[in-house]
Amino acid sequence: MNYYEVLGVDKSATSDEIKKAFRKKAIETHPDKGGSDEQFQKVSEAYEILSDNEKKEQYDRYGSVDNNRFQSHGFSMDDIFSQFGDIFGNGGQYRQRQKRGSDLRVQITVSLEDVINGSTKKIKYKRQVPCNPCNGKGGTDIKECLACSGTGSRSMVQNTPFGQIRQNISCNNCNGTGKKISNPCQSCSGSGSMSIEETIDINIPKGVSGGMNLSMSGYGNSIQDGITGDLHILIQEIQHNKFTRDGSDLYCDEWIEIPEAVLGTKINIETLKGNVSLNIEPGCESGKVFTSKGKGVPILSSNGQIYGNGNLHVRVNVRIPKKISKQEKELY
């Protein structure tokens, strides 16, 4: 791992530039800000090395540092963030992320009628909710886990080509809860949650399309001493037997006879938004497309608002007879 590349600085960067780069990268990669633990650990490790003149000199010369680099100065996240108390507004302490229940996913099939008019779909699914008998606590006589001092995590030292790296892992003695339950709940076996089958109504907004995901916050799985996950709804759209959809526009084919194409006519098209009348001028060629504005699909914006409708495109085809009578042949 190249520590300079991790922080995005040159080898000639000053201590102030390294410090400024770390502040920026820490915000970008912090788990509470949408980053990952792995990325955040790399950024913290890079700053711990490059901010120390002795370690930086050894790293520049040999491409690594002494095997005991994390132990020589008692390296910890809190030591680093005590210098940056204003980054996350938590007094400089490295705050452990709050536990979160897992998300759930369901698939809902919608028709073109649902897309145009909106609809409400009722679904039934299973999820974990707080256990009723123990009120989600998992039992009684709950004490702080001695192995991790109630933090839910334990420090682990790992040997790498660059030496030893100390990182926090979930405590296996309390499964990351930070608590030990002497009298577990018999209903949930101490987990604090139970499985139920729930039926809910899902409002399908106008203008949705196949492949779109809708989210319902707090309808996923619950977890002890944490926040409930979300429910993600994947939209699957059924192909209509008459209209083809392309974004917010609809397309369809209509057929007329040769005399109608020659002399002109008027046709009525039954759509999902009411009837549409088309005036066919005399001499209409087969394949001509007529557009009716605002007769397509509602346009759904990213913020969930509707702003107008797409168009309906009707291709008029002239039907050519395969067999004709002698009299028809003479007329032609």
C-alpha atoms as a PDB file:
ATOM      1  CA  MET A   1       0.000   0.000   0.000  1.00  0.00           C
ATOM      2  CA  ASN A   2       1.402   3.413  -1.005  1.00  0.00           C
ATOM      3  CA  TYR A   3       0.581   5.772   1.842  1.00  0.00           C
ATOM      4  CA  TYR A   4       1.086   8.860  -0.325  1.00  0.00           C
ATOM      5  CA  GLU A   5      -1.415   7.583  -2.881  1.00  0.00           C
ATOM      6  CA  VAL A   6      -3.884   6.742  -0.113  1.00  0.00           C
ATOM      7  CA  LEU A   7      -3.882  10.362   1.088  1.00  0.00           C
ATOM      8  CA  GLY A   8      -3.502  11.804  -2.420  1.00  0.00           C
ATOM      9  CA  VAL A   9      -0.316  13.791  -1.705  1.00  0.00           C
ATOM     10  CA  ASP A  10       3.183  13.958  -3.173  1.00  0.00           C
ATOM     11  CA  LYS A  11       6.261  12.602  -1.434  1.00  0.00           C
ATOM     12  CA  SER A  12       7.386  16.190  -0.906  1.00  0.00           C
ATOM     13  CA  ALA A  13       4.161  17.180   0.899  1.00  0.00           C
ATOM     14  CA  THR A  14       4.566  19.194   4.070  1.00  0.00           C
ATOM     15  CA  SER A  15       3.096  18.158   7.416  1.00  0.00           C
ATOM     16  CA  ASP A  16       0.331  20.743   7.002  1.00  0.00           C
ATOM     17  CA  GLU A  17      -0.513  19.372   3.551  1.00  0.00           C
ATOM     18  CA  ILE A  18      -0.576  15.810   4.909  1.00  0.00           C
ATOM     19  CA  LYS A  19      -2.824  16.895   7.739  1.00  0.00           C
ATOM     20  CA  LYS A  20      -5.176  18.731   5.370  1.00  0.00           C
ATOM     21  CA  ALA A  21      -5.312  15.720   2.997  1.00  0.00           C
ATOM     22  CA  PHE A  22      -6.117  13.405   5.885  1.00  0.00           C
ATOM     23  CA  ARG A  23      -9.003  15.601   7.027  1.00  0.00           C
ATOM     24  CA  LYS A  24     -10.478  15.438   3.520  1.00  0.00           C
ATOM     25  CA  LYS A  25      -9.974  11.684   3.064  1.00  0.00           C
ATOM     26  CA  ALA A  26     -11.242  10.906   6.560  1.00  0.00           C
ATOM     27  CA  ILE A  27     -14.548  12.583   5.810  1.00  0.00           C
ATOM     28  CA  GLU A  28     -14.843  10.815   2.435  1.00  0.00           C
ATOM     29  CA  THR A  29     -14.114   7.318   3.777  1.00  0.00           C
ATOM     30  CA  HIS A  30     -15.585   7.452   7.279  1.00  0.00           C
ATOM     31  CA  PRO A  31     -18.245   4.717   7.744  1.00  0.00           C
ATOM     32  CA  ASP A  32     -20.688   7.266   9.146  1.00  0.00           C
ATOM     33  CA  LYS A  33     -20.311   9.299   5.956  1.00  0.00           C
ATOM     34  CA  GLY A  34     -20.916   6.448   3.507  1.00  0.00           C
ATOM     35  CA  GLY A  35     -17.390   5.005   3.351  1.00  0.00           C
ATOM     36  CA  SER A  36     -16.153   1.612   4.496  1.00  0.00           C
ATOM     37  CA  ASP A  37     -14.194   0.405   7.507  1.00  0.00           C
ATOM     38  CA  GLU A  38     -11.445  -0.917   5.231  1.00  0.00           C
ATOM     39  CA  GLN A  39     -10.964   2.399   3.397  1.00  0.00           C
ATOM     40  CA  PHE A  40     -11.080   4.362   6.623  1.00  0.00           C
ATOM     41  CA  GLN A  41      -8.505   2.062   8.231  1.00  0.00           C
ATOM     42  CA  LYS A  42      -6.098   2.589   5.295  1.00  0.00           C
ATOM     43  CA  VAL A  43      -6.443   6.372   5.495  1.00  0.00           C
ATOM     44  CA  SER A  44      -5.871   6.345   9.253  1.00  0.00           C
ATOM     45  CA  GLU A  45      -2.851   4.069   8.894  1.00  0.00           C
ATOM     46  CA  ALA A  46      -1.361   6.294   6.181  1.00  0.00           C
ATOM     47  CA  TYR A  47      -1.727   9.389   8.341  1.00  0.00           C
ATOM     48  CA  GLU A  48      -0.308   7.616  11.394  1.00  0.00           C
ATOM     49  CA  ILE A  49       2.882   6.874   9.409  1.00  0.00           C
ATOM     50  CA  LEU A  50       3.290  10.073   7.393  1.00  0.00           C
ATOM     51  CA  SER A  51       2.513  12.407  10.302  1.00  0.00           C
ATOM     52  CA  ASP A  52       5.369  10.960  12.345  1.00  0.00           C
ATOM     53  CA  ASN A  53       8.731  12.279  11.128  1.00  0.00           C
ATOM     54  CA  GLU A  54      10.680   9.214  12.256  1.00  0.00           C
ATOM     55  CA  LYS A  55       8.261   6.728  10.688  1.00  0.00           C
ATOM     56  CA  LYS A  56       7.934   8.840   7.532  1.00  0.00           C
ATOM     57  CA  GLU A  57      11.718   8.903   7.093  1.00  0.00           C
ATOM     58  CA  GLN A  58      11.944   5.135   7.549  1.00  0.00           C
ATOM     59  CA  TYR A  59       9.034   4.563   5.129  1.00  0.00           C
ATOM     60  CA  ASP A  60      10.600   6.867   2.488  1.00  0.00           C
ATOM     61  CA  ARG A  61      13.922   5.057   2.775  1.00  0.00           C
ATOM     62  CA  TYR A  62      12.834   1.412   3.013  1.00  0.00           C
ATOM     63  CA  GLY A  63       9.228   1.410   1.834  1.00  0.00           C
ATOM     64  CA  SER A  64       8.149   0.070   5.232  1.00  0.00           C
ATOM     65  CA  VAL A  65       8.445   0.855   8.906  1.00  0.00           C
ATOM     66  CA  ASP A  66       9.534  -1.002  12.015  1.00  0.00           C
ATOM     67  CA  ASN A  67       7.415  -4.054  12.897  1.00  0.00           C
ATOM     68  CA  ASN A  68       6.451  -2.484  16.198  1.00  0.00           C
ATOM     69  CA  ARG A  69       5.352   0.811  14.725  1.00  0.00           C
ATOM     70  CA  PHE A  70       1.806   0.593  16.111  1.00  0.00           C
ATOM     71  CA  GLN A  71       3.029  -0.312  19.563  1.00  0.00           C
ATOM     72  CA  SER A  72       5.870   2.157  19.887  1.00  0.00           C
ATOM     73  CA  HIS A  73       3.618   5.147  20.376  1.00  0.00           C
ATOM     74  CA  GLY A  74       0.421   3.391  21.524  1.00  0.00           C
ATOM     75  CA  PHE A  75      -1.377   4.006  18.229  1.00  0.00           C
ATOM     76  CA  SER A  76      -5.184   4.178  18.365  1.00  0.00           C
ATOM     77  CA  MET A  77      -8.030   5.823  16.448  1.00  0.00           C
ATOM     78  CA  ASP A  78      -8.723   8.125  19.355  1.00  0.00           C
ATOM     79  CA  ASP A  79      -5.130   9.356  19.336  1.00  0.00           C
ATOM     80  CA  ILE A  80      -5.489  10.447  15.740  1.00  0.00           C
ATOM     81  CA  PHE A  81      -8.935  11.977  16.042  1.00  0.00           C
ATOM     82  CA  SER A  82      -8.105  13.877  19.203  1.00  0.00           C
ATOM     83  CA  GLN A  83      -6.354  16.234  16.776  1.00  0.00           C
ATOM     84  CA  PHE A  84      -9.429  16.571  14.581  1.00  0.00           C
ATOM     85  CA  GLY A  85     -12.341  17.063  16.964  1.00  0.00           C
ATOM     86  CA  ASP A  86     -14.186  19.227  14.435  1.00  0.00           C
ATOM     87  CA  ILE A  87     -14.249  16.691  11.593  1.00  0.00           C
ATOM     88  CA  PHE A  88     -17.246  14.686  12.733  1.00  0.00           C
ATOM     89  CA  GLY A  89     -18.450  16.808  15.637  1.00  0.00           C
ATOM     90  CA  ASN A  90     -17.918  14.060  18.205  1.00  0.00           C
ATOM     91  CA  GLY A  91     -15.243  15.578  20.396  1.00  0.00           C
ATOM     92  CA  GLY A  92     -12.438  13.853  18.520  1.00  0.00           C
ATOM     93  CA  GLN A  93     -13.513  10.336  19.507  1.00  0.00           C
ATOM     94  CA  TYR A  94     -13.808   7.590  16.952  1.00  0.00           C
ATOM     95  CA  ARG A  95     -17.473   6.678  17.241  1.00  0.00           C
ATOM     96  CA  GLN A  96     -18.435   3.100  16.542  1.00  0.00           C
ATOM     97  CA  ARG A  97     -21.225   2.851  14.010  1.00  0.00           C
ATOM     98  CA  GLN A  98     -24.632   2.016  15.331  1.00  0.00           C
ATOM     99  CA  LYS A  99     -25.722  -1.494  14.446  1.00  0.00           C
ATOM    100  CA  ARG A 100     -28.304  -1.783  11.730  1.00  0.00           C
ATOM    101  CA  GLY A 101     -30.662  -4.591  10.855  1.00  0.00           C
ATOM    102  CA  SER A 102     -30.423  -6.169   7.421  1.00  0.00           C
ATOM    103  CA  ASP A 103     -32.408  -4.858   4.465  1.00  0.00           C
ATOM    104  CA  LEU A 104     -35.058  -6.963   2.762  1.00  0.00           C
ATOM    105  CA  ARG A 105     -36.017  -7.099  -0.913  1.00  0.00           C
ATOM    106  CA  VAL A 106     -39.276  -8.005  -2.580  1.00  0.00           C
ATOM    107  CA  GLN A 107     -40.387  -7.928  -6.195  1.00  0.00           C
ATOM    108  CA  ILE A 108     -43.669  -6.424  -7.346  1.00  0.00           C
ATOM    109  CA  THR A 109     -45.206  -6.862 -10.790  1.00  0.00           C
ATOM    110  CA  VAL A 110     -47.035  -3.862 -12.254  1.00  0.00           C
ATOM    111  CA  SER A 111     -49.071  -3.402 -15.411  1.00  0.00           C
ATOM    112  CA  LEU A 112     -49.063  -0.432 -17.758  1.00  0.00           C
ATOM    113  CA  GLU A 113     -52.368   0.584 -16.198  1.00  0.00           C
ATOM    114  CA  ASP A 114     -50.620   0.704 -12.800  1.00  0.00           C
ATOM    115  CA  VAL A 115     -47.837   2.808 -14.281  1.00  0.00           C
ATOM    116  CA  ILE A 116     -50.202   5.354 -15.794  1.00  0.00           C
ATOM    117  CA  ASN A 117     -52.745   5.615 -12.988  1.00  0.00           C
ATOM    118  CA  GLY A 118     -50.710   4.620  -9.942  1.00  0.00           C
ATOM    119  CA  SER A 119     -51.872   1.834  -7.651  1.00  0.00           C
ATOM    120  CA  THR A 120     -51.620   0.214  -4.229  1.00  0.00           C
ATOM    121  CA  LYS A 121     -50.224  -3.292  -3.967  1.00  0.00           C
ATOM    122  CA  LYS A 122     -50.642  -5.523  -0.942  1.00  0.00           C
ATOM    123  CA  ILE A 123     -47.699  -7.799  -0.167  1.00  0.00           C
ATOM    124  CA  LYS A 124     -46.968 -10.392   2.477  1.00  0.00           C
ATOM    125  CA  TYR A 125     -43.405 -11.038   3.617  1.00  0.00           C
ATOM    126  CA  LYS A 126     -41.431 -12.246   6.640  1.00  0.00           C
ATOM    127  CA  ARG A 127     -39.142 -10.064   8.729  1.00  0.00           C
ATOM    128  CA  GLN A 128     -37.516  -9.818  12.138  1.00  0.00           C
ATOM    129  CA  VAL A 129     -39.208  -7.499  14.656  1.00  0.00           C
ATOM    130  CA  PRO A 130     -38.434  -6.768  18.338  1.00  0.00           C
ATOM    131  CA  CYS A 131     -39.407  -9.692  20.553  1.00  0.00           C
ATOM    132  CA  ASN A 132     -42.592  -8.948  22.496  1.00  0.00           C
ATOM    133  CA  PRO A 133     -41.951 -10.975  25.690  1.00  0.00           C
ATOM    134  CA  CYS A 134     -38.569  -9.307  26.342  1.00  0.00           C
ATOM    135  CA  ASN A 135     -39.350  -6.016  24.606  1.00  0.00           C
ATOM    136  CA  GLY A 136     -36.390  -6.542  22.284  1.00  0.00           C
ATOM    137  CA  LYS A 137     -33.834  -6.718  25.111  1.00  0.00           C
ATOM    138  CA  GLY A 138     -33.075 -10.418  24.704  1.00  0.00           C
ATOM    139  CA  GLY A 139     -33.724 -11.329  28.322  1.00  0.00           C
ATOM    140  CA  THR A 140     -33.007 -10.196  31.863  1.00  0.00           C
ATOM    141  CA  ASP A 141     -29.966  -9.781  34.102  1.00  0.00           C
ATOM    142  CA  ILE A 142     -28.013  -8.012  31.356  1.00  0.00           C
ATOM    143  CA  LYS A 143     -24.436  -7.059  32.155  1.00  0.00           C
ATOM    144  CA  GLU A 144     -21.564  -5.468  30.325  1.00  0.00           C
ATOM    145  CA  CYS A 145     -19.380  -7.901  28.394  1.00  0.00           C
ATOM    146  CA  LEU A 146     -16.081  -8.230  30.256  1.00  0.00           C
ATOM    147  CA  ALA A 147     -14.146  -9.363  27.195  1.00  0.00           C
ATOM    148  CA  CYS A 148     -14.710  -6.107  25.297  1.00  0.00           C
ATOM    149  CA  SER A 149     -15.634  -3.800  28.198  1.00  0.00           C
ATOM    150  CA  GLY A 150     -19.038  -3.237  26.645  1.00  0.00           C
ATOM    151  CA  THR A 151     -17.693  -1.802  23.384  1.00  0.00           C
ATOM    152  CA  GLY A 152     -18.800  -4.743  21.224  1.00  0.00           C
ATOM    153  CA  SER A 153     -15.373  -4.920  19.569  1.00  0.00           C
ATOM    154  CA  ARG A 154     -11.953  -6.267  20.384  1.00  0.00           C
ATOM    155  CA  SER A 155      -8.513  -5.236  19.198  1.00  0.00           C
ATOM    156  CA  MET A 156      -6.667  -7.652  16.934  1.00  0.00           C
ATOM    157  CA  VAL A 157      -3.035  -7.399  15.799  1.00  0.00           C
ATOM    158  CA  GLN A 158      -2.274  -8.707  12.316  1.00  0.00           C
ATOM    159  CA  ASN A 159       1.189  -9.230  10.830  1.00  0.00           C
ATOM    160  CA  THR A 160       1.655  -7.745   7.360  1.00  0.00           C
ATOM    161  CA  PRO A 161       4.654  -7.102   5.057  1.00  0.00           C
ATOM    162  CA  PHE A 162       4.731  -3.587   6.535  1.00  0.00           C
ATOM    163  CA  GLY A 163       4.652  -4.835  10.119  1.00  0.00           C
ATOM    164  CA  GLN A 164       1.831  -5.237  12.584  1.00  0.00           C
ATOM    165  CA  ILE A 165      -1.565  -3.616  12.093  1.00  0.00           C
ATOM    166  CA  ARG A 166      -3.955  -3.268  14.964  1.00  0.00           C
ATOM    167  CA  GLN A 167      -7.630  -3.248  14.035  1.00  0.00           C
ATOM    168  CA  ASN A 168     -10.959  -3.616  15.780  1.00  0.00           C
ATOM    169  CA  ILE A 169     -13.127  -6.687  15.151  1.00  0.00           C
ATOM    170  CA  SER A 170     -16.520  -7.697  16.483  1.00  0.00           C
ATOM    171  CA  CYS A 171     -16.321  -9.307  19.911  1.00  0.00           C
ATOM    172  CA  ASN A 172     -17.079 -13.029  19.593  1.00  0.00           C
ATOM    173  CA  ASN A 173     -17.940 -13.315  23.283  1.00  0.00           C
ATOM    174  CA  CYS A 174     -21.025 -11.090  22.997  1.00  0.00           C
ATOM    175  CA  ASN A 175     -21.502 -11.180  19.187  1.00  0.00           C
ATOM    176  CA  GLY A 176     -20.743  -7.472  18.998  1.00  0.00           C
ATOM    177  CA  THR A 177     -23.535  -6.419  21.356  1.00  0.00           C
ATOM    178  CA  GLY A 178     -21.293  -5.375  24.230  1.00  0.00           C
ATOM    179  CA  LYS A 179     -23.636  -7.152  26.636  1.00  0.00           C
ATOM    180  CA  LYS A 180     -23.997 -10.578  28.208  1.00  0.00           C
ATOM    181  CA  ILE A 181     -27.461 -11.895  29.065  1.00  0.00           C
ATOM    182  CA  SER A 182     -27.531 -14.216  32.069  1.00  0.00           C
ATOM    183  CA  ASN A 183     -31.212 -15.071  31.642  1.00  0.00           C
ATOM    184  CA  PRO A 184     -31.978 -15.237  27.872  1.00  0.00           C
ATOM    185  CA  CYS A 185     -35.539 -14.837  26.672  1.00  0.00           C
ATOM    186  CA  GLN A 186     -37.054 -18.210  25.797  1.00  0.00           C
ATOM    187  CA  SER A 187     -39.049 -16.752  22.900  1.00  0.00           C
ATOM    188  CA  CYS A 188     -36.109 -15.274  20.988  1.00  0.00           C
ATOM    189  CA  SER A 189     -33.206 -17.221  22.599  1.00  0.00           C
ATOM    190  CA  GLY A 190     -31.597 -13.935  23.571  1.00  0.00           C
ATOM    191  CA  SER A 191     -31.491 -12.429  20.089  1.00  0.00           C
ATOM    192  CA  GLY A 192     -34.049  -9.728  20.944  1.00  0.00           C
ATOM    193  CA  SER A 193     -36.001 -10.292  17.733  1.00  0.00           C
ATOM    194  CA  MET A 194     -38.582 -12.706  16.381  1.00  0.00           C
ATOM    195  CA  SER A 195     -39.817 -13.618  12.900  1.00  0.00           C
ATOM    196  CA  ILE A 196     -43.303 -12.594  11.838  1.00  0.00           C
ATOM    197  CA  GLU A 197     -45.281 -12.606   8.610  1.00  0.00           C
ATOM    198  CA  GLU A 198     -46.433  -9.091   7.867  1.00  0.00           C
ATOM    199  CA  THR A 199     -48.873  -7.744   5.285  1.00  0.00           C
ATOM    200  CA  ILE A 200     -48.424  -4.157   4.149  1.00  0.00           C
ATOM    201  CA  ASP A 201     -49.741  -1.855   1.421  1.00  0.00           C
ATOM    202  CA  ILE A 202     -47.199  -0.420  -0.998  1.00  0.00           C
ATOM    203  CA  ASN A 203     -48.136   2.696  -2.926  1.00  0.00           C
ATOM    204  CA  ILE A 204     -46.927   2.470  -6.512  1.00  0.00           C
ATOM    205  CA  PRO A 205     -46.437   6.020  -7.841  1.00  0.00           C
ATOM    206  CA  LYS A 206     -47.362   6.976 -11.376  1.00  0.00           C
ATOM    207  CA  GLY A 207     -44.550   6.751 -13.896  1.00  0.00           C
ATOM    208  CA  VAL A 208     -42.542   3.897 -12.357  1.00  0.00           C
ATOM    209  CA  SER A 209     -40.654   1.613 -14.713  1.00  0.00           C
ATOM    210  CA  GLY A 210     -39.262  -1.890 -14.711  1.00  0.00           C
ATOM    211  CA  GLY A 211     -35.976  -2.198 -12.809  1.00  0.00           C
ATOM    212  CA  MET A 212     -36.764   0.754 -10.548  1.00  0.00           C
ATOM    213  CA  ASN A 213     -36.264   0.335  -6.801  1.00  0.00           C
ATOM    214  CA  LEU A 214     -38.555   1.826  -4.170  1.00  0.00           C
ATOM    215  CA  SER A 215     -37.516   1.952  -0.524  1.00  0.00           C
ATOM    216  CA  MET A 216     -39.544   1.873   2.676  1.00  0.00           C
ATOM    217  CA  SER A 217     -37.445   2.951   5.644  1.00  0.00           C
ATOM    218  CA  GLY A 218     -37.746   0.838   8.787  1.00  0.00           C
ATOM    219  CA  TYR A 219     -39.599  -2.079   7.171  1.00  0.00           C
ATOM    220  CA  GLY A 220     -36.586  -4.420   7.083  1.00  0.00           C
ATOM    221  CA  ASN A 221     -35.192  -6.611   9.844  1.00  0.00           C
ATOM    222  CA  SER A 222     -34.753  -5.274  13.355  1.00  0.00           C
ATOM    223  CA  ILE A 223     -31.659  -5.944  15.432  1.00  0.00           C
ATOM    224  CA  GLN A 224     -31.047  -5.779  19.148  1.00  0.00           C
ATOM    225  CA  ASP A 225     -29.793  -2.351  20.280  1.00  0.00           C
ATOM    226  CA  GLY A 226     -29.750  -1.122  16.707  1.00  0.00           C
ATOM    227  CA  ILE A 227     -31.870   0.507  14.021  1.00  0.00           C
ATOM    228  CA  THR A 228     -34.224  -1.400  11.744  1.00  0.00           C
ATOM    229  CA  GLY A 229     -33.206  -2.030   8.151  1.00  0.00           C
ATOM    230  CA  ASP A 230     -35.169  -0.980   5.070  1.00  0.00           C
ATOM    231  CA  LEU A 231     -37.454  -2.757   2.632  1.00  0.00           C
ATOM    232  CA  HIS A 232     -36.476  -2.447  -1.029  1.00  0.00           C
ATOM    233  CA  ILE A 233     -39.153  -3.032  -3.669  1.00  0.00           C
ATOM    234  CA  LEU A 234     -37.987  -4.024  -7.153  1.00  0.00           C
ATOM    235  CA  ILE A 235     -40.474  -3.063  -9.869  1.00  0.00           C
ATOM    236  CA  GLN A 236     -41.106  -5.546 -12.679  1.00  0.00           C
ATOM    237  CA  GLU A 237     -43.293  -4.237 -15.492  1.00  0.00           C
ATOM    238  CA  ILE A 238     -45.528  -6.498 -17.579  1.00  0.00           C
ATOM    239  CA  GLN A 239     -45.470  -6.012 -21.342  1.00  0.00           C
ATOM    240  CA  HIS A 240     -48.791  -4.625 -22.620  1.00  0.00           C
ATOM    241  CA  ASN A 241     -50.482  -6.504 -25.453  1.00  0.00           C
ATOM    242  CA  LYS A 242     -51.031  -3.343 -27.522  1.00  0.00           C
ATOM    243  CA  PHE A 243     -48.746  -0.531 -26.387  1.00  0.00           C
ATOM    244  CA  THR A 244     -44.963  -0.576 -26.301  1.00  0.00           C
ATOM    245  CA  ARG A 245     -43.264   1.715 -23.828  1.00  0.00           C
ATOM    246  CA  ASP A 246     -40.033   3.625 -24.352  1.00  0.00           C
ATOM    247  CA  GLY A 247     -39.377   5.828 -21.345  1.00  0.00           C
ATOM    248  CA  SER A 248     -42.402   8.074 -20.985  1.00  0.00           C
ATOM    249  CA  ASP A 249     -43.599   7.568 -24.585  1.00  0.00           C
ATOM    250  CA  LEU A 250     -46.006   4.909 -25.857  1.00  0.00           C
ATOM    251  CA  TYR A 251     -46.104   3.342 -29.307  1.00  0.00           C
ATOM    252  CA  CYS A 252     -48.786   1.314 -31.085  1.00  0.00           C
ATOM    253  CA  ASP A 253     -49.902   0.231 -34.569  1.00  0.00           C
ATOM    254  CA  GLU A 254     -53.271   0.833 -36.230  1.00  0.00           C
ATOM    255  CA  TRP A 255     -54.511  -0.563 -39.567  1.00  0.00           C
ATOM    256  CA  ILE A 256     -56.653   0.979 -42.278  1.00  0.00           C
ATOM    257  CA  GLU A 257     -57.928  -0.312 -45.609  1.00  0.00           C
ATOM    258  CA  ILE A 258     -56.683   0.847 -49.028  1.00  0.00           C
ATOM    259  CA  PRO A 259     -59.792   2.957 -49.788  1.00  0.00           C
ATOM    260  CA  GLU A 260     -59.380   4.702 -46.415  1.00  0.00           C
ATOM    261  CA  ALA A 261     -55.755   5.461 -47.194  1.00  0.00           C
ATOM    262  CA  VAL A 262     -56.697   6.833 -50.636  1.00  0.00           C
ATOM    263  CA  LEU A 263     -59.803   8.817 -49.646  1.00  0.00           C
ATOM    264  CA  GLY A 264     -58.935   9.644 -46.038  1.00  0.00           C
ATOM    265  CA  THR A 265     -60.834   8.664 -42.886  1.00  0.00           C
ATOM    266  CA  LYS A 266     -61.135   9.205 -39.156  1.00  0.00           C
ATOM    267  CA  ILE A 267     -60.210   6.509 -36.636  1.00  0.00           C
ATOM    268  CA  ASN A 268     -60.688   6.259 -32.886  1.00  0.00           C
ATOM    269  CA  ILE A 269     -58.004   4.661 -30.738  1.00  0.00           C
ATOM    270  CA  GLU A 270     -58.843   3.341 -27.299  1.00  0.00           C
ATOM    271  CA  THR A 271     -55.923   4.180 -24.998  1.00  0.00           C
ATOM    272  CA  LEU A 272     -55.297   3.856 -21.276  1.00  0.00           C
ATOM    273  CA  LYS A 273     -55.967   7.583 -20.938  1.00  0.00           C
ATOM    274  CA  GLY A 274     -59.210   7.690 -22.913  1.00  0.00           C
ATOM    275  CA  ASN A 275     -60.038   7.667 -26.625  1.00  0.00           C
ATOM    276  CA  VAL A 276     -57.858   9.460 -29.165  1.00  0.00           C
ATOM    277  CA  SER A 277     -59.191  10.477 -32.594  1.00  0.00           C
ATOM    278  CA  LEU A 278     -56.923  10.590 -35.629  1.00  0.00           C
ATOM    279  CA  ASN A 279     -57.812  12.354 -38.876  1.00  0.00           C
ATOM    280  CA  ILE A 280     -56.295  10.448 -41.784  1.00  0.00           C
ATOM    281  CA  GLU A 281     -55.778  12.773 -44.721  1.00  0.00           C
ATOM    282  CA  PRO A 282     -56.356  11.451 -48.277  1.00  0.00           C
ATOM    283  CA  GLY A 283     -53.270   9.799 -49.737  1.00  0.00           C
ATOM    284  CA  CYS A 284     -51.926   8.518 -46.423  1.00  0.00           C
ATOM    285  CA  GLU A 285     -48.839   6.350 -46.891  1.00  0.00           C
ATOM    286  CA  SER A 286     -48.428   3.123 -44.995  1.00  0.00           C
ATOM    287  CA  GLY A 287     -46.174   3.537 -41.953  1.00  0.00           C
ATOM    288  CA  LYS A 288     -46.966   7.177 -41.301  1.00  0.00           C
ATOM    289  CA  VAL A 289     -46.656   8.071 -37.601  1.00  0.00           C
ATOM    290  CA  PHE A 290     -49.154  10.325 -35.815  1.00  0.00           C
ATOM    291  CA  THR A 291     -48.187  11.824 -32.423  1.00  0.00           C
ATOM    292  CA  SER A 292     -50.641  12.763 -29.703  1.00  0.00           C
ATOM    293  CA  LYS A 293     -48.917  14.889 -27.061  1.00  0.00           C
ATOM    294  CA  GLY A 294     -49.515  14.176 -23.409  1.00  0.00           C
ATOM    295  CA  LYS A 295     -51.116  10.770 -24.023  1.00  0.00           C
ATOM    296  CA  GLY A 296     -48.123   8.761 -22.838  1.00  0.00           C
ATOM    297  CA  VAL A 297     -46.802   7.780 -19.420  1.00  0.00           C
ATOM    298  CA  PRO A 298     -46.517  10.241 -16.495  1.00  0.00           C
ATOM    299  CA  ILE A 299     -42.950  11.517 -16.124  1.00  0.00           C
ATOM    300  CA  LEU A 300     -41.646  10.677 -12.653  1.00  0.00           C
ATOM    301  CA  SER A 301     -38.807  12.878 -11.414  1.00  0.00           C
ATOM    302  CA  SER A 302     -36.026  11.777  -9.056  1.00  0.00           C
ATOM    303  CA  ASN A 303     -37.737  13.541  -6.136  1.00  0.00           C
ATOM    304  CA  GLY A 304     -40.960  11.576  -6.683  1.00  0.00           C
ATOM    305  CA  GLN A 305     -42.901  14.388  -8.352  1.00  0.00           C
ATOM    306  CA  ILE A 306     -44.805  14.157 -11.640  1.00  0.00           C
ATOM    307  CA  TYR A 307     -44.046  16.784 -14.240  1.00  0.00           C
ATOM    308  CA  GLY A 308     -46.144  16.180 -17.321  1.00  0.00           C
ATOM    309  CA  ASN A 309     -46.722  13.158 -19.529  1.00  0.00           C
ATOM    310  CA  GLY A 310     -44.992  11.587 -22.448  1.00  0.00           C
ATOM    311  CA  ASN A 311     -46.496  11.258 -25.937  1.00  0.00           C
ATOM    312  CA  LEU A 312     -48.410   8.589 -27.830  1.00  0.00           C
ATOM    313  CA  HIS A 313     -47.029   7.631 -31.236  1.00  0.00           C
ATOM    314  CA  VAL A 314     -49.413   5.791 -33.568  1.00  0.00           C
ATOM    315  CA  ARG A 315     -48.070   4.175 -36.726  1.00  0.00           C
ATOM    316  CA  VAL A 316     -50.816   3.826 -39.341  1.00  0.00           C
ATOM    317  CA  ASN A 317     -50.383   0.852 -41.646  1.00  0.00           C
ATOM    318  CA  VAL A 318     -52.337   0.171 -44.824  1.00  0.00           C
ATOM    319  CA  ARG A 319     -53.692  -3.358 -44.963  1.00  0.00           C
ATOM    320  CA  ILE A 320     -52.984  -5.010 -48.337  1.00  0.00           C
ATOM    321  CA  PRO A 321     -55.403  -7.892 -49.129  1.00  0.00           C
ATOM    322  CA  LYS A 322     -53.859 -11.227 -50.038  1.00  0.00           C
ATOM    323  CA  LYS A 323     -56.876 -12.417 -52.046  1.00  0.00           C
ATOM    324  CA  ILE A 324     -59.350 -10.310 -54.022  1.00  0.00           C
ATOM    325  CA  SER A 325     -62.429 -11.099 -56.115  1.00  0.00           C
ATOM    326  CA  LYS A 326     -62.662 -10.608 -59.870  1.00  0.00           C
ATOM    327  CA  GLN A 327     -64.832  -7.509 -59.353  1.00  0.00           C
ATOM    328  CA  GLU A 328     -62.328  -6.041 -56.851  1.00  0.00           C
ATOM    329  CA  LYS A 329     -59.538  -6.722 -59.302  1.00  0.00           C
ATOM    330  CA  GLU A 330     -61.387  -4.832 -62.019  1.00  0.00           C
ATOM    331  CA  LEU A 331     -61.984  -1.937 -59.645  1.00  0.00           C
ATOM    332  CA  TYR A 332     -58.305  -1.773 -58.748  1.00  0.00           C
END
